[in-house]
Protein backbone atom coordinates (compact mmCIF):
# COMPACT_ATOMS: atom_id res chain seq x y z
CA MET A 1 0.00 0.00 0.00
CA LYS A 2 1.44 3.37 -0.91
CA GLN A 3 2.38 5.76 1.87
CA GLN A 4 0.36 8.60 0.34
CA SER A 5 -2.69 6.35 0.32
CA ARG A 6 -2.23 5.59 4.03
CA LEU A 7 -1.99 9.28 4.84
CA ARG A 8 -5.06 10.18 2.83
CA ARG A 9 -7.11 7.45 4.49
CA LEU A 10 -5.83 8.43 7.97
CA LEU A 11 -6.97 12.01 7.37
CA GLY A 12 -10.31 10.88 5.99
CA LEU A 13 -9.64 12.12 2.46
CA LYS A 14 -10.91 10.38 -0.64
CA GLU A 15 -8.53 8.42 -2.81
CA LYS A 16 -7.59 9.89 -6.13
CA ASN A 17 -8.29 6.55 -7.78
CA ALA A 18 -11.74 5.91 -6.34
CA GLU A 19 -12.29 2.73 -8.34
CA LYS A 20 -9.53 0.99 -6.34
CA GLU A 21 -11.23 1.82 -3.04
CA THR A 22 -13.39 -1.28 -2.89
CA ASN A 23 -10.55 -3.64 -3.72
CA ASP A 24 -8.38 -2.85 -0.69
CA LEU A 25 -9.68 -5.71 1.43
CA SER A 26 -9.10 -8.25 -1.30
CA ILE A 27 -5.37 -7.64 -1.36
CA ASP A 28 -3.33 -10.49 0.11
CA TYR A 29 -1.11 -8.60 2.52
CA PRO A 30 2.19 -10.37 3.12
CA GLU A 31 3.27 -11.01 6.67
CA THR A 32 5.76 -8.23 7.28
CA GLU A 33 8.46 -7.96 9.85
CA VAL A 34 9.09 -4.80 11.82
CA SER A 35 12.07 -2.91 10.51
CA SER A 36 14.33 -1.20 12.98
CA THR A 37 17.20 1.20 12.92
CA SER A 38 17.34 1.68 16.69
CA SER A 39 19.57 -0.17 19.09
CA GLY A 40 16.64 -1.06 21.36
CA ILE A 41 16.97 -4.59 22.57
CA ALA A 42 20.54 -5.11 21.44
CA SER A 43 22.05 -4.46 24.81
CA HIS A 44 21.23 -1.74 27.24
CA GLU A 45 24.41 -2.34 29.11
CA SER A 46 26.55 -1.59 26.07
CA SER A 47 24.87 1.79 25.65
CA VAL A 48 26.31 3.06 28.91
CA ASP A 49 30.03 3.22 29.46
CA GLU A 50 30.50 2.58 33.16
CA ASP A 51 33.88 4.34 33.09
CA GLU A 52 32.12 7.64 32.40
CA PHE A 53 30.52 7.51 35.83
CA HIS A 54 31.81 7.31 39.36
CA ASP A 55 31.83 4.18 41.49
CA ASP A 56 28.92 1.85 40.76
CA VAL A 57 26.68 2.06 43.84
CA TYR A 58 24.95 -1.14 42.77
CA ALA A 59 28.12 -3.14 42.15
CA ASP A 60 27.16 -5.76 44.75
CA VAL A 61 23.85 -6.54 43.01
CA ARG A 62 24.73 -5.52 39.45
CA ASP A 63 24.87 -9.03 38.00
CA ARG A 64 21.52 -10.03 39.45
CA MET A 65 19.82 -6.80 38.35
CA GLU A 66 21.09 -7.20 34.79
CA GLU A 67 20.04 -10.84 34.73
CA LEU A 68 16.48 -9.97 35.80
CA SER A 69 16.32 -7.08 33.34
CA ALA A 70 17.55 -9.26 30.48
CA ARG A 71 15.03 -11.96 31.40
CA ASP A 72 12.06 -9.59 31.17
CA ARG A 73 13.43 -7.93 28.04
CA SER A 74 13.81 -11.26 26.26
CA ARG A 75 10.34 -12.37 27.36
CA TYR A 76 8.25 -9.26 26.80
CA ALA A 77 10.14 -7.04 24.34
CA SER A 78 12.26 -9.14 21.97
CA HIS A 79 10.46 -12.46 22.56
CA SER A 80 13.74 -14.30 22.15
CA GLU A 81 12.88 -16.47 25.16
CA SER A 82 9.73 -18.57 25.21
CA HIS A 83 7.83 -18.59 28.48
CA THR A 84 4.46 -19.25 29.99
CA GLU A 85 2.63 -16.03 30.78
CA GLU A 86 2.67 -15.62 34.54
CA GLU A 87 -0.11 -13.67 36.20
CA LEU A 88 -0.33 -12.80 39.86
CA LYS A 89 -3.23 -14.72 41.32
CA LEU A 90 -5.43 -13.12 43.93
CA PRO A 91 -5.23 -15.36 47.02
CA VAL A 92 -8.60 -16.84 48.01
CA PHE A 93 -8.26 -15.48 51.54
CA ALA A 94 -7.52 -11.98 50.24
CA ALA A 95 -10.48 -12.17 47.83
CA TYR A 96 -12.94 -13.19 50.56
CA THR A 97 -11.70 -10.60 53.04
CA THR A 98 -11.74 -7.90 50.35
CA TYR A 99 -15.36 -8.59 49.43
CA LEU A 100 -16.24 -8.88 53.12
CA GLY A 101 -14.56 -5.54 53.83
CA TYR A 102 -16.57 -3.77 51.15
CA ALA A 103 -19.77 -5.49 52.34
CA VAL A 104 -19.22 -4.26 55.91
CA LEU A 105 -18.43 -0.73 54.74
CA ILE A 106 -21.52 -0.58 52.53
CA LEU A 107 -23.76 -2.04 55.23
CA CYS A 108 -22.47 0.40 57.85
CA GLY A 109 -22.94 3.27 55.39
CA HIS A 110 -26.58 2.39 54.78
CA ILE A 111 -27.19 1.99 58.53
CA ARG A 112 -25.68 5.43 59.13
CA ASP A 113 -27.89 6.93 56.41
CA LEU A 114 -30.95 5.26 57.92
CA PHE A 115 -30.30 6.54 61.44
CA ALA A 116 -29.45 10.00 60.13
CA ASN A 117 -32.87 10.19 58.47
CA ILE A 118 -34.63 8.82 61.57
CA PHE A 119 -33.00 11.14 64.10
CA GLY A 120 -32.49 14.11 61.79
CA HIS A 121 -28.80 14.35 62.56
CA GLY A 122 -25.81 13.33 60.42
CA ARG A 123 -22.80 14.65 58.56
CA TYR A 124 -24.46 14.24 55.18
CA LEU A 125 -28.06 15.12 56.05
CA ARG A 126 -29.37 17.90 53.84
CA ARG A 127 -30.09 21.10 55.73
CA LYS A 128 -32.62 23.74 54.87
CA THR A 129 -31.01 26.44 52.78
CA PRO A 130 -32.19 29.67 51.14
CA TYR A 131 -31.42 28.26 47.69
CA SER A 132 -34.48 27.30 45.67
CA SER A 133 -32.58 24.47 43.97
CA ASP A 134 -32.49 22.60 47.30
CA ASN A 135 -36.24 22.18 47.18
CA LEU A 136 -36.37 18.57 45.98
CA GLN A 137 -40.12 18.79 45.38
CA VAL A 138 -39.31 21.07 42.46
CA PHE A 139 -35.76 20.16 41.44
CA ALA A 140 -34.31 16.73 40.76
CA PRO A 141 -31.35 15.89 43.03
CA LEU A 142 -27.98 16.36 41.38
CA LEU A 143 -26.35 13.64 43.46
CA LYS A 144 -28.35 10.51 44.10
CA SER A 145 -26.56 7.40 43.01
CA TRP A 146 -24.07 4.71 43.97
CA GLU A 147 -21.23 7.09 43.12
CA ASN A 148 -22.50 9.59 45.67
CA PHE A 149 -22.90 6.87 48.32
CA TYR A 150 -19.40 5.59 47.57
CA THR A 151 -17.99 9.11 47.96
CA ARG A 152 -19.81 9.78 51.23
CA ARG A 153 -19.46 6.48 53.03
CA LEU A 154 -16.28 4.95 51.60
CA TYR A 155 -14.06 7.57 49.98
CA HIS A 156 -14.46 10.27 52.63
CA ARG A 157 -13.27 7.82 55.30
CA ILE A 158 -9.83 7.70 53.67
CA GLN A 159 -9.61 10.93 51.69
CA ASP A 160 -6.76 12.12 53.91
CA CYS A 161 -4.64 9.63 51.89
CA PHE A 162 -5.29 11.56 48.66
CA ASN A 163 -4.84 15.11 47.31
CA ARG A 164 -2.11 15.95 49.82
CA PRO A 165 -0.86 19.52 49.26
CA ILE A 166 2.89 20.08 49.03
CA ALA A 167 5.13 23.04 49.80
CA SER A 168 8.24 22.21 47.79
CA SER A 169 9.37 20.99 44.41
CA PRO A 170 8.48 17.33 43.80
CA GLY A 171 12.05 16.09 44.01
CA ALA A 172 13.41 12.98 45.71
CA SER A 173 12.43 14.63 49.00
CA ILE A 174 9.17 16.50 49.32
CA GLN A 175 7.52 18.65 51.99
CA VAL A 176 3.88 17.72 52.55
CA LEU A 177 1.59 20.13 54.39
CA GLU A 178 -0.28 18.75 57.39
CA ARG A 179 -4.09 18.65 57.31
CA VAL A 180 -6.66 18.22 60.09
CA SER A 181 -10.37 17.49 60.24
CA ASP A 182 -13.05 17.98 62.90
CA ASN A 183 -15.81 16.05 61.09
CA GLY A 184 -14.40 12.59 60.48
CA THR A 185 -12.43 13.57 57.34
CA LYS A 186 -15.58 14.73 55.52
CA THR A 187 -13.62 17.93 54.99
CA LEU A 188 -9.94 18.66 55.55
CA GLU A 189 -8.16 21.93 56.17
CA LEU A 190 -4.52 22.88 56.43
CA LEU A 191 -3.14 22.85 59.95
CA GLY A 192 -1.30 26.13 59.50
CA THR A 193 1.14 26.92 62.33
CA LEU A 194 1.77 25.15 65.62
CA ASP A 195 -0.20 27.90 67.36
CA ASP A 196 -3.33 26.57 65.67
CA LEU A 197 -3.12 23.37 67.73
CA ASP A 198 -5.26 23.10 70.86
CA THR A 199 -2.76 21.87 73.46
CA ASP A 200 0.94 22.01 74.27
CA LYS A 201 1.04 18.21 74.15
CA GLN A 202 -0.06 18.25 70.52
CA ARG A 203 2.60 20.86 69.68
CA GLU A 204 5.25 18.79 71.45
CA GLU A 205 4.27 15.67 69.45
CA TYR A 206 4.76 17.50 66.17
CA GLU A 207 8.05 19.11 67.20
CA LYS A 208 9.52 15.76 68.35
CA SER A 209 8.71 14.07 65.06
CA PRO A 210 11.88 13.38 63.01
CA HIS A 211 10.00 14.50 59.91
CA PHE A 212 8.70 17.81 61.31
CA VAL A 213 9.63 20.87 59.32
CA LYS A 214 8.39 24.46 59.04
CA VAL A 215 7.84 26.02 55.63
CA SER A 216 6.85 29.55 54.55
CA GLN A 217 4.80 31.50 57.11
CA ASP A 218 5.78 28.89 59.74
CA ARG A 219 3.27 26.39 58.36
CA VAL A 220 3.61 22.83 59.65
CA ALA A 221 4.79 20.30 57.09
CA ARG A 222 6.30 16.83 56.97
CA ASN A 223 9.56 16.14 55.18
CA CYS A 224 9.06 12.90 53.21
CA LEU A 225 10.89 10.73 50.74
CA ASN A 226 8.94 11.15 47.52
CA LEU A 227 7.92 7.80 46.00
CA GLY A 228 4.87 9.03 44.10
CA SER A 229 5.72 11.84 41.68
CA TYR A 230 6.45 11.41 37.97
CA ASN A 231 9.88 12.97 38.41
CA TYR A 232 11.48 10.18 36.38
CA LEU A 233 14.64 11.95 35.23
CA GLY A 234 15.00 14.02 38.39
CA PHE A 235 14.74 17.49 36.86
CA ALA A 236 12.89 18.63 40.02
CA ASP A 237 16.07 17.88 41.99
CA ASP A 238 18.70 19.66 39.87
CA TRP A 239 16.53 22.24 38.09
CA ASN A 240 18.70 25.10 39.35
CA ILE A 241 21.67 23.55 37.54
CA THR A 242 20.12 22.10 34.40
CA CYS A 243 17.25 24.39 33.39
CA LYS A 244 16.84 27.47 35.60
CA ALA A 245 19.00 29.98 33.73
CA GLU A 246 17.34 29.47 30.33
CA VAL A 247 13.82 29.23 31.75
CA VAL A 248 14.14 32.44 33.78
CA ARG A 249 15.73 34.20 30.81
CA SER A 250 12.76 33.30 28.61
CA MET A 251 10.47 35.44 30.79
CA GLU A 252 12.41 38.56 29.85
CA ASP A 253 11.03 38.50 26.31
CA LEU A 254 7.88 36.41 26.44
CA PRO A 255 4.82 36.31 28.72
CA ILE A 256 3.79 33.55 31.11
CA SER A 257 0.76 32.93 28.89
CA ASN A 258 -0.14 33.91 25.34
CA SER A 259 -3.85 33.89 26.24
CA SER A 260 -4.69 32.61 22.80
CA PRO A 261 -4.96 29.37 20.81
CA ARG A 262 -2.15 28.29 18.52
CA ASN A 263 -4.14 29.18 15.39
CA GLU A 264 -4.56 32.80 16.50
CA TYR A 265 -1.85 34.57 18.52
CA GLY A 266 -0.62 31.64 20.59
CA THR A 267 2.49 30.61 18.65
CA THR A 268 5.97 31.84 19.51
CA HIS A 269 9.40 30.84 18.27
CA LEU A 270 9.69 28.61 21.36
CA HIS A 271 6.64 26.60 20.32
CA ARG A 272 8.21 26.02 16.91
CA GLU A 273 11.50 25.05 18.53
CA VAL A 274 9.79 22.53 20.84
CA GLU A 275 8.05 20.90 17.90
CA GLU A 276 11.22 20.73 15.80
CA LEU A 277 13.12 19.26 18.75
CA VAL A 278 10.48 16.60 19.46
CA ALA A 279 10.28 15.61 15.80
CA ARG A 280 14.06 15.31 15.57
CA PHE A 281 14.28 13.38 18.86
CA LEU A 282 11.73 10.81 17.65
CA GLY A 283 12.78 10.67 14.01
CA LYS A 284 9.42 11.95 12.74
CA GLU A 285 8.77 14.59 10.09
CA ASP A 286 6.85 17.03 12.31
CA ALA A 287 5.24 17.44 15.72
CA LEU A 288 2.47 19.42 17.41
CA CYS A 289 2.63 20.50 21.06
CA LEU A 290 -0.50 21.04 23.15
CA ASN A 291 -1.03 22.54 26.59
CA MET A 292 -2.24 19.45 28.46
CA GLY A 293 -1.30 15.79 28.24
CA PHE A 294 -4.79 14.51 29.03
CA ASN A 295 -6.34 16.77 26.40
CA THR A 296 -3.77 15.68 23.83
CA ASN A 297 -5.48 12.29 23.65
CA CYS A 298 -8.97 13.67 24.22
CA THR A 299 -8.77 16.10 21.30
CA THR A 300 -6.44 14.34 18.87
CA ILE A 301 -8.29 11.02 18.63
CA PRO A 302 -11.64 12.64 17.64
CA ALA A 303 -9.79 14.60 14.95
CA LEU A 304 -8.27 11.44 13.46
CA VAL A 305 -11.28 9.11 13.51
CA GLN A 306 -15.02 9.56 13.28
CA ARG A 307 -18.20 7.71 12.42
CA GLY A 308 -17.43 4.89 9.99
CA ASP A 309 -13.98 4.29 11.48
CA LEU A 310 -12.89 1.64 13.97
CA ILE A 311 -10.74 2.05 17.09
CA ILE A 312 -9.14 -1.05 18.59
CA SER A 313 -7.88 -0.24 22.07
CA ASP A 314 -5.93 -2.14 24.71
CA GLU A 315 -8.20 -2.94 27.65
CA LEU A 316 -5.90 -1.11 30.10
CA ASN A 317 -5.51 2.13 28.15
CA HIS A 318 -5.64 5.39 30.08
CA THR A 319 -8.93 7.19 30.65
CA SER A 320 -7.83 10.05 28.38
CA ILE A 321 -7.72 7.56 25.50
CA VAL A 322 -11.10 6.16 26.54
CA ASN A 323 -12.62 9.65 26.62
CA GLY A 324 -11.10 10.57 23.26
CA ALA A 325 -12.33 7.34 21.66
CA ARG A 326 -15.85 7.84 22.99
CA ALA A 327 -15.95 11.46 21.80
CA SER A 328 -14.85 10.50 18.29
CA GLY A 329 -18.04 8.71 17.28
CA ALA A 330 -16.01 5.80 15.89
CA ALA A 331 -16.82 2.19 16.73
CA ILE A 332 -14.67 0.78 19.52
CA ARG A 333 -13.33 -2.74 20.04
CA ILE A 334 -11.21 -3.84 23.00
CA PHE A 335 -8.41 -6.42 22.89
CA ARG A 336 -6.91 -8.20 25.87
CA HIS A 337 -3.96 -6.44 27.42
CA ASN A 338 -0.74 -6.99 25.46
CA ASP A 339 -2.32 -9.91 23.58
CA SER A 340 -1.26 -9.53 19.94
CA LYS A 341 -3.03 -12.77 18.96
CA HIS A 342 -6.34 -11.43 20.24
CA LEU A 343 -5.63 -8.14 18.44
CA GLU A 344 -5.02 -10.02 15.21
CA GLY A 345 -8.28 -11.92 15.63
CA ILE A 346 -10.23 -8.68 16.09
CA LEU A 347 -8.53 -7.13 13.05
CA ARG A 348 -9.31 -10.14 10.87
CA GLU A 349 -12.94 -10.13 11.95
CA ALA A 350 -13.23 -6.36 11.44
CA ILE A 351 -11.87 -6.59 7.90
CA VAL A 352 -13.94 -9.63 6.94
CA MET A 353 -17.23 -8.61 8.56
CA GLY A 354 -17.01 -4.85 8.06
CA ARG A 355 -19.43 -2.52 9.80
CA PRO A 356 -22.45 -3.83 11.69
CA ARG A 357 -25.65 -4.19 9.65
CA THR A 358 -24.32 -2.73 6.38
CA ARG A 359 -21.13 -4.89 6.19
CA ARG A 360 -19.43 -2.05 4.36
CA PRO A 361 -15.66 -1.84 4.97
CA TRP A 362 -14.38 0.46 7.70
CA ASN A 363 -12.97 3.74 6.43
CA LYS A 364 -9.87 3.20 8.58
CA ILE A 365 -8.80 1.21 11.61
CA LEU A 366 -6.72 2.76 14.40
CA VAL A 367 -5.01 0.58 17.02
CA ILE A 368 -4.16 2.43 20.25
CA VAL A 369 -1.61 1.21 22.82
CA GLU A 370 0.58 2.72 25.53
CA GLY A 371 4.34 2.53 25.97
CA ILE A 372 4.11 1.91 29.74
CA TYR A 373 0.77 1.23 31.38
CA SER A 374 0.69 3.52 34.39
CA MET A 375 -1.36 1.32 36.73
CA GLU A 376 0.43 -1.90 35.79
CA GLY A 377 4.08 -0.92 35.34
CA GLU A 378 4.21 -3.06 32.19
CA TYR A 379 5.52 -1.96 28.82
CA CYS A 380 3.76 -2.64 25.56
CA ASP A 381 4.42 -5.64 23.33
CA LEU A 382 5.10 -3.06 20.65
CA ALA A 383 6.99 -5.19 18.15
CA ASN A 384 4.14 -7.66 17.79
CA VAL A 385 1.46 -4.94 17.77
CA VAL A 386 3.23 -3.13 14.94
CA ARG A 387 3.79 -6.38 13.05
CA VAL A 388 0.09 -7.26 13.20
CA CYS A 389 -1.01 -3.75 12.25
CA LYS A 390 1.31 -3.65 9.25
CA LYS A 391 0.04 -7.04 8.15
CA TYR A 392 -3.59 -5.89 8.10
CA GLY A 393 -3.12 -2.24 7.10
CA ALA A 394 -4.20 -0.71 10.44
CA TYR A 395 -2.72 2.47 11.86
CA VAL A 396 -0.75 2.50 15.12
CA TYR A 397 -1.29 5.18 17.78
CA LEU A 398 1.31 4.94 20.56
CA ASP A 399 0.85 6.83 23.85
CA GLU A 400 4.30 7.30 25.40
CA ALA A 401 3.27 9.50 28.32
CA HIS A 402 5.20 7.37 30.84
CA SER A 403 7.82 5.82 28.59
CA ILE A 404 9.30 8.79 26.71
CA GLY A 405 12.52 9.79 28.43
CA ALA A 406 12.22 6.87 30.85
CA MET A 407 12.95 3.90 28.57
CA GLY A 408 15.58 3.01 26.03
CA PRO A 409 19.34 3.57 26.03
CA THR A 410 18.91 7.22 25.01
CA GLY A 411 15.47 7.83 26.52
CA ARG A 412 13.53 7.62 23.26
CA GLY A 413 10.85 5.48 24.82
CA CYS A 414 9.21 2.15 24.19
CA SER A 415 9.93 2.16 20.45
CA GLU A 416 13.67 2.36 21.06
CA TYR A 417 13.53 -0.17 23.89
CA CYS A 418 11.57 -2.71 21.83
CA GLY A 419 13.63 -2.16 18.70
CA VAL A 420 10.77 -0.72 16.62
CA ASP A 421 11.56 1.99 14.10
CA THR A 422 9.44 5.09 14.62
CA SER A 423 8.61 5.14 10.90
CA ASP A 424 6.46 2.06 11.60
CA ILE A 425 4.36 4.00 14.12
CA ASP A 426 1.86 6.35 12.49
CA ILE A 427 0.99 8.54 15.48
CA MET A 428 3.30 9.04 18.49
CA MET A 429 1.84 10.79 21.50
CA GLY A 430 3.66 11.76 24.67
CA THR A 431 3.69 14.25 27.51
CA PHE A 432 6.22 16.68 28.94
CA THR A 433 4.93 16.28 32.50
CA LYS A 434 6.74 13.09 33.52
CA SER A 435 10.35 12.92 32.39
CA PHE A 436 10.88 16.54 31.35
CA GLY A 437 9.62 18.53 34.32
CA GLY A 438 7.09 20.57 32.34
CA MET A 439 3.49 20.27 31.27
CA GLY A 440 1.52 19.61 28.09
CA GLY A 441 1.77 16.94 25.44
CA TYR A 442 2.82 16.35 21.86
CA ILE A 443 1.81 14.47 18.74
CA ALA A 444 4.59 13.40 16.36
CA ALA A 445 3.77 12.11 12.88
CA SER A 446 4.21 12.93 9.20
CA LYS A 447 3.96 16.50 7.97
CA ASP A 448 0.58 15.84 6.35
CA VAL A 449 -0.93 14.46 9.55
CA ILE A 450 0.42 17.28 11.72
CA SER A 451 -0.75 19.90 9.23
CA PHE A 452 -4.22 18.36 9.35
CA LEU A 453 -4.24 18.28 13.16
CA ARG A 454 -3.18 21.93 13.47
CA LYS A 455 -6.50 22.87 11.87
CA SER A 456 -8.78 20.06 13.03
CA CYS A 457 -7.63 19.22 16.57
CA ALA A 458 -9.59 21.15 19.20
CA GLY A 459 -6.54 21.24 21.46
CA SER A 460 -4.75 23.31 18.82
CA SER A 461 -7.66 25.32 17.42
CA TYR A 462 -9.51 26.32 20.59
CA HIS A 463 -7.40 25.72 23.70
CA ASN A 464 -4.80 28.15 24.98
CA SER A 465 -1.34 27.38 23.71
CA LEU A 466 1.42 25.99 25.91
CA SER A 467 3.04 28.61 28.13
CA PRO A 468 6.28 29.96 26.56
CA VAL A 469 8.02 29.45 29.91
CA VAL A 470 7.06 25.78 29.87
CA CYS A 471 8.23 25.56 26.27
CA GLN A 472 11.67 26.71 27.38
CA GLN A 473 11.65 24.15 30.21
CA VAL A 474 10.89 21.42 27.69
CA ILE A 475 13.60 22.64 25.33
CA SER A 476 16.21 22.78 28.10
CA SER A 477 15.36 19.32 29.46
CA PHE A 478 15.32 17.75 25.99
CA LYS A 479 18.76 19.17 25.27
CA VAL A 480 20.05 17.69 28.51
CA VAL A 481 18.63 14.27 27.62
CA MET A 482 20.05 14.48 24.09
CA GLY A 483 23.45 15.62 25.35
CA GLU A 484 23.21 18.91 23.45
CA ASP A 485 23.95 20.88 26.61
CA GLY A 486 27.56 19.79 26.36
CA THR A 487 27.41 17.44 29.36
CA ASN A 488 26.65 13.78 30.03
CA ILE A 489 24.02 14.64 32.67
CA GLY A 490 21.21 13.28 30.51
CA LYS A 491 22.99 9.97 29.99
CA ARG A 492 23.64 9.69 33.71
CA LYS A 493 20.00 10.39 34.48
CA ILE A 494 18.74 7.65 32.18
CA HIS A 495 21.26 5.21 33.62
CA ALA A 496 20.39 6.15 37.23
CA LEU A 497 16.64 5.82 36.61
CA ARG A 498 17.04 2.33 35.21
CA ASP A 499 19.30 1.19 38.04
CA ASN A 500 17.13 2.70 40.78
CA SER A 501 13.97 1.21 39.29
CA ASN A 502 15.39 -2.29 38.89
CA TYR A 503 16.94 -2.29 42.35
CA PHE A 504 13.72 -1.14 44.02
CA ARG A 505 11.62 -3.69 42.13
CA MET A 506 14.05 -6.49 42.95
CA ARG A 507 13.98 -5.70 46.67
CA LEU A 508 10.16 -5.43 46.74
CA GLU A 509 9.91 -8.87 45.14
CA ASP A 510 12.42 -10.24 47.64
CA MET A 511 10.06 -9.14 50.42
CA GLY A 512 7.37 -11.43 49.04
CA LEU A 513 5.06 -8.62 47.90
CA HIS A 514 2.83 -8.93 44.85
CA VAL A 515 4.59 -6.53 42.46
CA LEU A 516 3.17 -5.85 39.00
CA GLY A 517 5.08 -4.83 35.91
CA HIS A 518 8.39 -5.46 34.19
CA TYR A 519 12.01 -4.68 34.94
CA ASP A 520 13.29 -1.43 33.34
CA SER A 521 9.93 0.22 34.08
CA PRO A 522 10.03 3.06 36.66
CA ILE A 523 6.50 2.23 37.89
CA MET A 524 6.04 -0.47 40.55
CA PRO A 525 2.47 -1.24 41.69
CA VAL A 526 2.27 -3.31 44.88
CA MET A 527 -1.04 -5.10 45.46
CA LEU A 528 -2.98 -4.28 48.64
CA TYR A 529 -6.34 -5.82 47.67
CA ASN A 530 -8.27 -5.15 50.89
CA PRO A 531 -9.93 -1.69 51.10
CA THR A 532 -8.86 -1.25 54.73
CA LYS A 533 -5.23 -1.64 53.68
CA ILE A 534 -5.44 1.31 51.28
CA CYS A 535 -5.64 3.86 54.06
CA SER A 536 -3.53 1.84 56.49
CA PHE A 537 -0.62 1.53 54.07
CA SER A 538 -0.74 5.22 53.14
CA ARG A 539 -0.96 6.42 56.75
CA GLU A 540 1.73 4.06 58.05
CA CYS A 541 4.10 5.15 55.28
CA PHE A 542 3.28 8.82 55.91
CA LYS A 543 4.06 8.41 59.62
CA ARG A 544 7.44 7.02 58.60
CA GLY A 545 8.19 9.90 56.25
CA LEU A 546 7.30 8.19 52.97
CA ALA A 547 5.01 9.95 50.50
CA VAL A 548 3.32 7.17 48.52
CA VAL A 549 0.37 6.92 46.15
CA VAL A 550 -2.41 4.45 46.87
CA VAL A 551 -5.03 3.58 44.26
CA GLY A 552 -8.51 2.14 44.74
CA PHE A 553 -11.83 1.90 42.97
CA PRO A 554 -12.85 3.38 40.51
CA ALA A 555 -9.32 3.98 39.19
CA VAL A 556 -8.75 0.21 39.32
CA PRO A 557 -11.17 -2.74 39.66
CA ILE A 558 -12.76 -2.92 43.09
CA ILE A 559 -10.71 -5.88 44.39
CA THR A 560 -7.33 -4.86 42.97
CA SER A 561 -6.42 -1.88 45.16
CA ARG A 562 -2.73 -1.13 45.12
CA ALA A 563 0.09 1.19 46.09
CA ARG A 564 2.04 2.63 43.18
CA PHE A 565 5.70 3.57 43.52
CA CYS A 566 7.32 5.84 40.94
CA ILE A 567 11.11 5.87 41.09
CA SER A 568 13.31 8.77 40.04
CA ALA A 569 16.84 9.27 38.83
CA GLY A 570 17.13 11.74 41.71
CA HIS A 571 16.88 9.02 44.36
CA THR A 572 20.06 7.74 45.98
CA ARG A 573 20.60 4.13 47.02
CA GLU A 574 20.67 5.22 50.67
CA GLN A 575 17.21 6.80 50.27
CA LEU A 576 15.83 3.71 48.55
CA ASP A 577 17.30 1.40 51.20
CA HIS A 578 15.71 3.53 53.93
CA ALA A 579 12.35 3.41 52.13
CA LEU A 580 12.59 -0.34 51.66
CA ARG A 581 13.27 -0.90 55.37
CA GLU A 582 10.20 1.13 56.27
CA ILE A 583 8.05 -0.59 53.63
CA GLU A 584 9.15 -4.00 54.91
CA GLU A 585 8.06 -3.02 58.40
CA VAL A 586 4.68 -1.83 57.09
CA ALA A 587 4.29 -5.00 55.01
CA ASP A 588 4.77 -7.11 58.13
CA LYS A 589 2.30 -5.03 60.09
CA LEU A 590 -0.41 -5.11 57.39
CA LYS A 591 0.25 -8.68 56.18
CA LEU A 592 1.09 -7.87 52.55
CA ARG A 593 3.45 -10.71 51.68
CA TYR A 594 0.97 -12.47 49.40
CA ALA A 595 3.73 -13.97 47.23
CA VAL A 596 4.91 -16.17 50.10
CA SER A 597 1.79 -16.55 52.23
CA THR A 598 -1.91 -16.98 51.50
CA PHE A 599 -2.69 -14.78 54.50
CA GLY A 600 -0.15 -12.10 53.59
């Protein structure tokens, strides 16, 4: 199939030779192999010259770390080693206690609601107000559903574990502001200063804490080791050295915001430079930068596909992809996570059967996958996905929000790591918020596709453009990663991130925890299962000076609650060892060793 034909179909344009349109499905497509010009799988170790760096802090465990990394790489990226797919099985005891825990919480919530209505007293009982909209005899209630009950009776019990405000940069160490509540965590407010506490005993308890710290205006905060932020390459730790001078200088000539979309007065020379840099970094013809990573998917996908098209999406794709697919009007099919055989079956059926009812062929088929799945810590089986898509003439849309900068010998993401040439990927999406210390997202593709998106993508046509200051941050961080700043800081960052991630994952597995994901991924989800362990794990870690992220329903299925660790190049081995000692203590206390015991 000619490249121009692929581009015209991707953009929804009619073929010049219309009579050939109906014959596309009858072509016998040969089984193609993925071409590659990147080093990818070859050997990550060979990409980093150890002599360039100081003493290897992981020398005592280096051989084991590399062995585990090579094992996962050969199984899940290059497929040079055959293996039986291993899935973590939910222990029967954990399953029963998890369901029982939710049953007790729901039952107690309904009992509380019942008694609140009987006695006319309760935290969530509606009061009489002067607003006419509160008259339910006239107005329908805005909130009356399971979601509202879940928020009131389940989420509010543990909401102190979420949305914690910070008072510092999100580096390897982070200062978290203290919050208090006088209504059972229905609402939370900042503690403020020590003078806001009621008794001297309370003030003494805070002051004696090894993690107590005062921030601006003498506000009370807790100094924690940051294991939750997407500070993959550690730019939040050394920003003053790597990026500050150029970013501050950019404010001398350009505003904080252009207050205008890209298609009006929202484009500066920095926006053009970002796009040229991204395109060159990924080996694509052109790129488009947008002001929000979430909206990049939400607005790009509806511009690419519409009614009469088909989207085939991995079942674990991010909600931004889900929202974009739903807004597009295209038909949607789901394939099992990282299962290229299931994907091929869906593609074959879609091509043979065509659209429902009419059986007319689909205008185009777009397959959407992620580089690293943020709730699983697994990377995509990209080589096989691309192979299948090329075989059946489907387009590939790769979301590299978590993998760009964090994977591959030079940080070029999942495509480099898996040995897939970027020319085989039609649409490459990524964000600047994780590895590059900025905000916004990008789309990299051919010039024709990017030109079409500049006019048709709502994120470009109607949303405010990316802040020029953020553009400069992105430019500076990209140059560090690419080595164009004249140093080897970027190379050291990529190397440190990989080592820190593999070491932390290895030690978590040694504890007997259920750890999801693959080696060389900076995301490590640890399964908690039981709803009571969500808040307990977060609070116990917070008491010990660890800032962690816990995830429950509806972000994940109701019985697969988890803690999610995100490792950074800014972490030192001493910090990780300290965190691991504390986590091991918490794991013993909460019975989390499901890999070695049915009862945890």
